[in-house]
């Protein structure tokens, strides 16, 4: 049985301890954390005067969820003939 890896990713100076099952999964989490951090920064650049930092976090979550929904809709599960 494969060993679990304990890693830590950081988003907005918040360290998030995680347990992953492989180096490939670790890369996915690190890439995802980087994506979120870049989205938050891009939103700060586009909308510098939002009333609270929470707006940037929620907008980044919404953008990420929209991307996930679009990707799920693109998945073709029809049988190949």
N, C-alpha and C. Protein backbone atom coordinates (compact mmCIF):
# COMPACT_ATOMS: atom_id res chain seq x y z
N UNK A 1 0.85 -1.20 0.00
CA UNK A 1 0.00 0.00 0.00
C UNK A 1 0.88 1.24 0.00
N UNK A 2 0.52 2.21 -0.78
CA UNK A 2 1.31 3.43 -0.92
C UNK A 2 1.24 4.28 0.34
N UNK A 3 2.35 4.91 0.62
CA UNK A 3 2.40 5.82 1.76
C UNK A 3 1.68 7.12 1.43
N UNK A 4 1.05 7.69 2.40
CA UNK A 4 0.43 9.00 2.23
C UNK A 4 1.50 10.06 2.45
N UNK A 5 1.37 11.17 1.74
CA UNK A 5 2.31 12.27 1.87
C UNK A 5 1.65 13.42 2.61
N UNK A 6 2.33 13.96 3.59
CA UNK A 6 1.84 15.14 4.29
C UNK A 6 2.49 16.34 3.64
N UNK A 7 1.66 17.25 3.13
CA UNK A 7 2.17 18.44 2.47
C UNK A 7 1.50 19.67 3.07
N UNK A 8 2.01 20.82 2.71
CA UNK A 8 1.39 22.08 3.14
C UNK A 8 1.39 23.00 1.94
N UNK A 9 0.22 23.50 1.58
CA UNK A 9 0.11 24.53 0.54
C UNK A 9 -0.34 25.82 1.23
N UNK A 10 0.01 26.93 0.63
CA UNK A 10 -0.32 28.22 1.23
C UNK A 10 -1.10 29.06 0.23
N UNK A 11 -2.22 29.58 0.71
CA UNK A 11 -3.03 30.52 -0.06
C UNK A 11 -3.28 31.72 0.84
N UNK A 12 -2.94 32.91 0.35
CA UNK A 12 -3.16 34.14 1.11
C UNK A 12 -2.50 34.07 2.49
N UNK A 13 -1.29 33.57 2.53
CA UNK A 13 -0.52 33.44 3.77
C UNK A 13 -1.17 32.52 4.79
N UNK A 14 -2.06 31.67 4.33
CA UNK A 14 -2.70 30.69 5.20
C UNK A 14 -2.16 29.32 4.83
N UNK A 15 -1.37 28.71 5.73
CA UNK A 15 -0.85 27.37 5.43
C UNK A 15 -1.95 26.33 5.62
N UNK A 16 -2.09 25.47 4.63
CA UNK A 16 -3.12 24.44 4.66
C UNK A 16 -2.45 23.07 4.67
N UNK A 17 -2.46 22.38 5.80
CA UNK A 17 -1.86 21.04 5.84
C UNK A 17 -2.79 20.03 5.17
N UNK A 18 -2.23 19.20 4.32
CA UNK A 18 -3.01 18.22 3.57
C UNK A 18 -2.31 16.87 3.57
N UNK A 19 -3.07 15.83 3.36
CA UNK A 19 -2.52 14.50 3.15
C UNK A 19 -2.93 14.06 1.75
N UNK A 20 -1.94 13.69 0.95
CA UNK A 20 -2.20 13.27 -0.43
C UNK A 20 -1.64 11.87 -0.63
N UNK A 21 -2.10 11.21 -1.68
CA UNK A 21 -1.72 9.81 -1.89
C UNK A 21 -0.56 9.61 -2.85
N UNK A 22 -0.14 10.67 -3.54
CA UNK A 22 0.93 10.49 -4.51
C UNK A 22 1.56 11.84 -4.86
N UNK A 23 2.72 11.77 -5.50
CA UNK A 23 3.36 12.99 -5.97
C UNK A 23 2.51 13.69 -7.03
N UNK A 24 1.79 12.91 -7.83
CA UNK A 24 0.92 13.49 -8.85
C UNK A 24 -0.21 14.29 -8.20
N UNK A 25 -0.77 13.74 -7.13
CA UNK A 25 -1.84 14.45 -6.43
C UNK A 25 -1.28 15.70 -5.74
N UNK A 26 -0.06 15.60 -5.22
CA UNK A 26 0.57 16.77 -4.62
C UNK A 26 0.69 17.90 -5.65
N UNK A 27 1.12 17.56 -6.85
CA UNK A 27 1.25 18.57 -7.91
C UNK A 27 -0.09 19.21 -8.22
N UNK A 28 -1.14 18.42 -8.25
CA UNK A 28 -2.48 18.96 -8.52
C UNK A 28 -2.87 19.98 -7.45
N UNK A 29 -2.65 19.63 -6.18
CA UNK A 29 -3.00 20.55 -5.10
C UNK A 29 -2.15 21.82 -5.15
N UNK A 30 -0.87 21.68 -5.44
CA UNK A 30 -0.01 22.86 -5.51
C UNK A 30 -0.40 23.75 -6.69
N UNK A 31 -0.72 23.13 -7.82
CA UNK A 31 -1.17 23.91 -8.98
C UNK A 31 -2.49 24.61 -8.70
N UNK A 32 -3.40 23.92 -8.01
CA UNK A 32 -4.70 24.51 -7.68
C UNK A 32 -4.53 25.69 -6.72
N UNK A 33 -3.67 25.55 -5.73
CA UNK A 33 -3.42 26.64 -4.79
C UNK A 33 -2.84 27.85 -5.53
N UNK A 34 -1.93 27.58 -6.45
CA UNK A 34 -1.33 28.66 -7.24
C UNK A 34 -2.39 29.36 -8.10
N UNK A 35 -3.26 28.57 -8.70
CA UNK A 35 -4.34 29.12 -9.52
C UNK A 35 -5.23 30.04 -8.69
N UNK A 36 -5.61 29.59 -7.51
CA UNK A 36 -6.47 30.40 -6.64
C UNK A 36 -5.76 31.69 -6.25
N UNK A 37 -4.49 31.59 -5.87
CA UNK A 37 -3.74 32.78 -5.48
C UNK A 37 -3.66 33.78 -6.63
N UNK A 38 -3.41 33.28 -7.84
CA UNK A 38 -3.36 34.17 -9.01
C UNK A 38 -4.72 34.81 -9.29
N UNK A 39 -5.78 34.05 -9.12
CA UNK A 39 -7.12 34.61 -9.35
C UNK A 39 -7.43 35.71 -8.36
N UNK A 40 -7.08 35.49 -7.11
CA UNK A 40 -7.33 36.51 -6.09
C UNK A 40 -6.56 37.78 -6.43
N UNK A 41 -5.29 37.62 -6.81
CA UNK A 41 -4.48 38.80 -7.14
C UNK A 41 -5.03 39.52 -8.38
N UNK A 42 -5.45 38.76 -9.38
CA UNK A 42 -6.03 39.37 -10.58
C UNK A 42 -7.29 40.16 -10.23
N UNK A 43 -8.11 39.62 -9.34
CA UNK A 43 -9.32 40.32 -8.92
C UNK A 43 -8.98 41.59 -8.15
N UNK A 44 -7.94 41.53 -7.32
CA UNK A 44 -7.50 42.74 -6.61
C UNK A 44 -7.07 43.82 -7.61
N UNK A 45 -6.38 43.39 -8.66
CA UNK A 45 -5.93 44.34 -9.67
C UNK A 45 -7.11 44.94 -10.45
N UNK A 46 -8.10 44.11 -10.76
CA UNK A 46 -9.26 44.58 -11.53
C UNK A 46 -10.23 45.42 -10.70
N UNK A 47 -10.39 45.05 -9.43
CA UNK A 47 -11.36 45.72 -8.56
C UNK A 47 -10.65 46.16 -7.27
N UNK A 48 -9.86 47.23 -7.33
CA UNK A 48 -9.04 47.59 -6.18
C UNK A 48 -9.80 48.16 -4.97
N UNK A 49 -11.07 48.47 -5.13
CA UNK A 49 -11.76 49.13 -4.02
C UNK A 49 -12.98 48.37 -3.52
N UNK A 50 -12.94 47.06 -3.54
CA UNK A 50 -14.05 46.30 -2.96
C UNK A 50 -14.09 46.54 -1.46
N UNK A 51 -15.27 46.45 -0.85
CA UNK A 51 -15.40 46.81 0.57
C UNK A 51 -14.70 45.88 1.55
N UNK A 52 -14.35 44.67 1.12
CA UNK A 52 -13.75 43.72 2.04
C UNK A 52 -12.92 42.70 1.27
N UNK A 53 -11.89 42.16 1.92
CA UNK A 53 -11.06 41.11 1.32
C UNK A 53 -11.90 39.88 0.98
N UNK A 54 -12.93 39.66 1.75
CA UNK A 54 -13.78 38.47 1.52
C UNK A 54 -14.37 38.46 0.12
N UNK A 55 -14.64 39.62 -0.45
CA UNK A 55 -15.18 39.68 -1.80
C UNK A 55 -14.24 39.01 -2.80
N UNK A 56 -12.94 39.25 -2.64
CA UNK A 56 -11.96 38.64 -3.55
C UNK A 56 -11.98 37.13 -3.42
N UNK A 57 -12.08 36.64 -2.20
CA UNK A 57 -12.09 35.19 -1.98
C UNK A 57 -13.34 34.55 -2.57
N UNK A 58 -14.48 35.18 -2.35
CA UNK A 58 -15.74 34.63 -2.85
C UNK A 58 -15.77 34.70 -4.38
N UNK A 59 -15.29 35.78 -4.95
CA UNK A 59 -15.26 35.89 -6.41
C UNK A 59 -14.32 34.84 -7.01
N UNK A 60 -13.19 34.60 -6.37
CA UNK A 60 -12.26 33.58 -6.86
C UNK A 60 -12.90 32.19 -6.77
N UNK A 61 -13.63 31.93 -5.68
CA UNK A 61 -14.33 30.64 -5.55
C UNK A 61 -15.39 30.49 -6.64
N UNK A 62 -16.14 31.56 -6.88
CA UNK A 62 -17.18 31.51 -7.90
C UNK A 62 -16.57 31.25 -9.28
N UNK A 63 -15.49 31.96 -9.62
CA UNK A 63 -14.83 31.74 -10.91
C UNK A 63 -14.35 30.31 -11.05
N UNK A 64 -13.78 29.76 -9.99
CA UNK A 64 -13.29 28.39 -10.01
C UNK A 64 -14.43 27.40 -10.17
N UNK A 65 -15.54 27.64 -9.48
CA UNK A 65 -16.70 26.75 -9.59
C UNK A 65 -17.31 26.82 -11.00
N UNK A 66 -17.36 28.00 -11.58
CA UNK A 66 -17.88 28.14 -12.94
C UNK A 66 -17.02 27.33 -13.91
N UNK A 67 -15.70 27.42 -13.75
CA UNK A 67 -14.81 26.63 -14.60
C UNK A 67 -15.05 25.13 -14.43
N UNK A 68 -15.28 24.69 -13.20
CA UNK A 68 -15.53 23.27 -12.94
C UNK A 68 -16.85 22.82 -13.58
N UNK A 69 -17.88 23.64 -13.49
CA UNK A 69 -19.17 23.31 -14.09
C UNK A 69 -19.05 23.23 -15.61
N UNK A 70 -18.35 24.19 -16.20
CA UNK A 70 -18.16 24.18 -17.65
C UNK A 70 -17.39 22.93 -18.08
N UNK A 71 -16.36 22.57 -17.32
CA UNK A 71 -15.58 21.38 -17.66
C UNK A 71 -16.43 20.12 -17.55
N UNK A 72 -17.28 20.04 -16.54
CA UNK A 72 -18.14 18.87 -16.37
C UNK A 72 -19.14 18.76 -17.52
N UNK A 73 -19.61 19.88 -18.01
CA UNK A 73 -20.57 19.87 -19.12
C UNK A 73 -19.91 19.45 -20.42
N UNK A 74 -18.60 19.63 -20.54
CA UNK A 74 -17.89 19.26 -21.76
C UNK A 74 -17.56 17.77 -21.82
N UNK A 75 -17.67 17.08 -20.72
CA UNK A 75 -17.32 15.66 -20.69
C UNK A 75 -18.33 14.88 -21.51
N UNK A 76 -17.85 14.14 -22.49
CA UNK A 76 -18.70 13.35 -23.38
C UNK A 76 -18.78 11.94 -22.82
N UNK A 77 -19.94 11.56 -22.33
CA UNK A 77 -20.11 10.21 -21.78
C UNK A 77 -20.92 9.32 -22.70
N UNK A 78 -21.22 9.80 -23.90
CA UNK A 78 -21.99 8.97 -24.85
C UNK A 78 -21.13 7.81 -25.33
N UNK A 79 -21.74 6.65 -25.54
CA UNK A 79 -20.98 5.51 -26.04
C UNK A 79 -20.44 5.76 -27.43
N UNK A 80 -19.27 5.23 -27.68
CA UNK A 80 -18.65 5.36 -28.99
C UNK A 80 -19.20 4.28 -29.93
N UNK A 81 -19.67 4.69 -31.09
CA UNK A 81 -20.23 3.73 -32.06
C UNK A 81 -19.34 3.68 -33.26
